[in-house]
Amino acid sequence: MLDLSLPPNAPKPSHLDLSTDRAPLMSSLIATIEENLGMAMVFTIVTVLRENIEALILERVAAIQTAKDQIAEEAEAKENAKFHGERVTRESFLRWREGFRREMEARAEEERIRRELVEVKGKAGKKEDKLTGRELWESGMVGKVEEDEEIGVEDALEGLKVA
């Protein structure tokens, strides 16, 4: 009788459980045993058993990877859903355009009101009797220097002291 077991010091395989997989693996060997009846078949049985175990493990790893891929695809689809908004149709565009125009008119009205307030505050804040520096200069109230007088370079250098 053939028995499948792991050596005592062997690590436990992550995708193989001999307690549940023993029956399918043993049934897969029956055809190989019947074909090689009467011959030395230890190597053949071990090879077939190893191939069946590898196929079983690869199948389970592929199933796990498929499940992970499915979860990743769902997450990606959910992430990409935020980039897909409302479909643009003639009606939806006209609704948007009407709202946009109302918004622009409201902004223009706010800007106009703000400018009017600034003008009113500017006029109320300015005192008419107080002249600006430019107005003082143009009227001749500041800088009573006659234009005919020119200060020479020698006169300007006399006031300088070199230390």
Protein backbone atom coordinates (compact mmCIF):
# COMPACT_ATOMS: atom_id res chain seq x y z
CA MET A 1 0.00 0.00 0.00
CA LEU A 2 1.28 3.47 -0.94
CA ASP A 3 1.28 6.23 1.70
CA LEU A 4 1.83 9.97 1.14
CA SER A 5 3.44 11.93 3.97
CA LEU A 6 5.96 14.70 4.45
CA PRO A 7 9.26 14.09 6.19
CA PRO A 8 9.21 15.25 9.83
CA ASN A 9 11.69 18.12 9.28
CA ALA A 10 10.18 19.38 5.97
CA PRO A 11 8.46 22.79 5.92
CA LYS A 12 4.71 22.75 5.49
CA PRO A 13 3.74 23.72 1.93
CA SER A 14 1.51 26.78 1.80
CA HIS A 15 -0.74 25.65 -1.06
CA LEU A 16 -0.84 21.90 -0.35
CA ASP A 17 -2.62 20.05 2.42
CA LEU A 18 -1.91 16.31 2.34
CA SER A 19 -4.88 15.48 4.57
CA THR A 20 -7.34 16.84 1.99
CA ASP A 21 -5.29 16.30 -1.18
CA ARG A 22 -4.26 12.67 -0.53
CA ALA A 23 -7.33 11.07 -2.14
CA PRO A 24 -7.20 12.99 -5.46
CA LEU A 25 -3.43 12.46 -5.74
CA MET A 26 -3.72 8.71 -5.06
CA SER A 27 -6.54 8.35 -7.60
CA SER A 28 -4.38 10.11 -10.22
CA LEU A 29 -1.71 7.43 -9.70
CA ILE A 30 -4.00 4.43 -10.40
CA ALA A 31 -3.71 4.74 -14.19
CA THR A 32 0.10 5.02 -13.98
CA ILE A 33 0.35 1.99 -11.69
CA GLU A 34 -1.83 -0.13 -14.02
CA GLU A 35 0.28 0.90 -17.05
CA ASN A 36 3.57 -0.03 -15.37
CA LEU A 37 2.39 -3.25 -13.67
CA GLY A 38 5.17 -5.80 -13.63
CA MET A 39 7.99 -3.26 -14.07
CA ALA A 40 10.10 -1.24 -11.71
CA MET A 41 7.90 1.83 -11.27
CA VAL A 42 9.12 3.75 -8.23
CA PHE A 43 10.71 6.50 -10.33
CA THR A 44 7.64 6.72 -12.60
CA ILE A 45 5.23 6.95 -9.65
CA VAL A 46 7.32 9.63 -7.92
CA THR A 47 7.60 11.63 -11.15
CA VAL A 48 3.86 11.46 -11.86
CA LEU A 49 3.05 12.31 -8.24
CA ARG A 50 5.43 15.30 -8.32
CA GLU A 51 3.90 16.55 -11.58
CA ASN A 52 0.37 16.22 -10.17
CA ILE A 53 1.35 18.08 -6.99
CA GLU A 54 2.99 20.85 -9.04
CA ALA A 55 -0.11 21.12 -11.25
CA LEU A 56 -2.34 21.27 -8.15
CA ILE A 57 -0.20 23.98 -6.54
CA LEU A 58 -0.03 26.01 -9.78
CA GLU A 59 -3.79 25.75 -10.13
CA ARG A 60 -4.31 27.04 -6.60
CA VAL A 61 -1.78 29.87 -7.05
CA ALA A 62 -3.49 30.84 -10.32
CA ALA A 63 -6.88 30.87 -8.55
CA ILE A 64 -5.49 33.10 -5.81
CA GLN A 65 -3.89 35.41 -8.41
CA THR A 66 -7.16 35.54 -10.36
CA ALA A 67 -9.01 36.56 -7.20
CA LYS A 68 -6.41 39.27 -6.49
CA ASP A 69 -6.64 40.50 -10.10
CA GLN A 70 -10.43 40.61 -9.83
CA ILE A 71 -10.22 42.70 -6.65
CA ALA A 72 -7.63 45.00 -8.27
CA GLU A 73 -9.84 45.44 -11.37
CA GLU A 74 -12.84 46.30 -9.21
CA ALA A 75 -10.78 48.83 -7.24
CA GLU A 76 -9.44 50.33 -10.47
CA ALA A 77 -12.93 50.53 -11.95
CA LYS A 78 -14.15 52.25 -8.79
CA GLU A 79 -11.18 54.66 -8.95
CA ASN A 80 -11.79 55.42 -12.64
CA ALA A 81 -15.51 55.95 -12.06
CA LYS A 82 -14.79 59.37 -10.57
CA PHE A 83 -13.28 60.48 -13.90
CA HIS A 84 -16.46 59.67 -15.78
CA GLY A 85 -18.99 62.40 -15.17
CA GLU A 86 -22.28 63.20 -16.75
CA ARG A 87 -22.48 62.50 -20.48
CA VAL A 88 -22.58 65.68 -22.52
CA THR A 89 -25.76 65.95 -24.51
CA ARG A 90 -27.36 68.98 -26.09
CA GLU A 91 -29.75 69.36 -23.14
CA SER A 92 -27.06 68.97 -20.47
CA PHE A 93 -24.80 71.47 -22.29
CA LEU A 94 -27.61 74.03 -22.54
CA ARG A 95 -28.33 73.64 -18.81
CA TRP A 96 -24.65 74.11 -18.00
CA ARG A 97 -24.30 77.11 -20.32
CA GLU A 98 -27.34 78.83 -18.80
CA GLY A 99 -25.96 78.32 -15.29
CA PHE A 100 -22.52 79.49 -16.38
CA ARG A 101 -23.91 82.66 -17.94
CA ARG A 102 -25.94 83.42 -14.80
CA GLU A 103 -22.82 82.92 -12.71
CA MET A 104 -20.75 85.23 -14.96
CA GLU A 105 -23.48 87.89 -14.84
CA ALA A 106 -23.57 87.66 -11.05
CA ARG A 107 -19.79 88.03 -10.89
CA ALA A 108 -19.88 91.02 -13.26
CA GLU A 109 -22.59 92.63 -11.13
CA GLU A 110 -20.56 92.05 -7.95
CA GLU A 111 -17.49 93.56 -9.63
CA ARG A 112 -19.49 96.60 -10.78
CA ILE A 113 -20.88 97.13 -7.27
CA ARG A 114 -17.42 96.76 -5.77
CA ARG A 115 -15.98 99.32 -8.18
CA GLU A 116 -18.79 101.75 -7.39
CA LEU A 117 -18.15 101.34 -3.66
CA VAL A 118 -14.45 101.97 -4.18
CA GLU A 119 -15.24 105.13 -6.17
CA VAL A 120 -17.66 106.36 -3.52
CA LYS A 121 -15.21 105.63 -0.73
CA GLY A 122 -12.41 107.23 -2.73
CA LYS A 123 -14.38 110.42 -3.24
CA ALA A 124 -15.63 110.54 0.33
CA GLY A 125 -12.18 109.80 1.73
CA LYS A 126 -10.45 112.51 -0.30
CA LYS A 127 -10.58 116.00 1.01
CA GLU A 128 -10.84 118.54 -1.77
CA ASP A 129 -8.80 121.17 0.10
CA LYS A 130 -5.74 118.93 0.41
CA LEU A 131 -3.52 118.85 -2.68
CA THR A 132 -1.33 115.99 -3.79
CA GLY A 133 2.42 116.34 -4.11
CA ARG A 134 2.21 116.58 -7.86
CA GLU A 135 -0.46 119.26 -7.68
CA LEU A 136 1.68 121.21 -5.19
CA TRP A 137 4.71 120.92 -7.46
CA GLU A 138 2.80 121.95 -10.56
CA SER A 139 1.27 124.96 -8.84
CA GLY A 140 4.73 126.08 -7.75
CA MET A 141 4.07 125.97 -4.01
CA VAL A 142 6.92 123.55 -3.40
CA GLY A 143 10.55 123.96 -4.41
CA LYS A 144 10.84 127.71 -4.76
CA VAL A 145 13.99 127.34 -6.82
CA GLU A 146 14.30 129.67 -9.71
CA GLU A 147 14.92 127.90 -12.93
CA ASP A 148 17.56 130.38 -14.04
CA GLU A 149 19.83 129.49 -11.14
CA GLU A 150 21.98 126.47 -11.69
CA ILE A 151 24.16 125.00 -9.04
CA GLY A 152 27.64 124.39 -10.33
CA VAL A 153 29.69 121.30 -9.74
CA GLU A 154 32.20 123.24 -7.67
CA ASP A 155 29.44 124.55 -5.40
CA ALA A 156 28.09 121.06 -4.88
CA LEU A 157 31.55 119.65 -4.11
CA GLU A 158 32.32 122.34 -1.54
CA GLY A 159 29.70 120.98 0.81
CA LEU A 160 31.18 117.48 0.73
CA LYS A 161 33.83 116.42 3.18
CA VAL A 162 36.10 113.48 2.51
CA ALA A 163 36.86 111.39 5.55
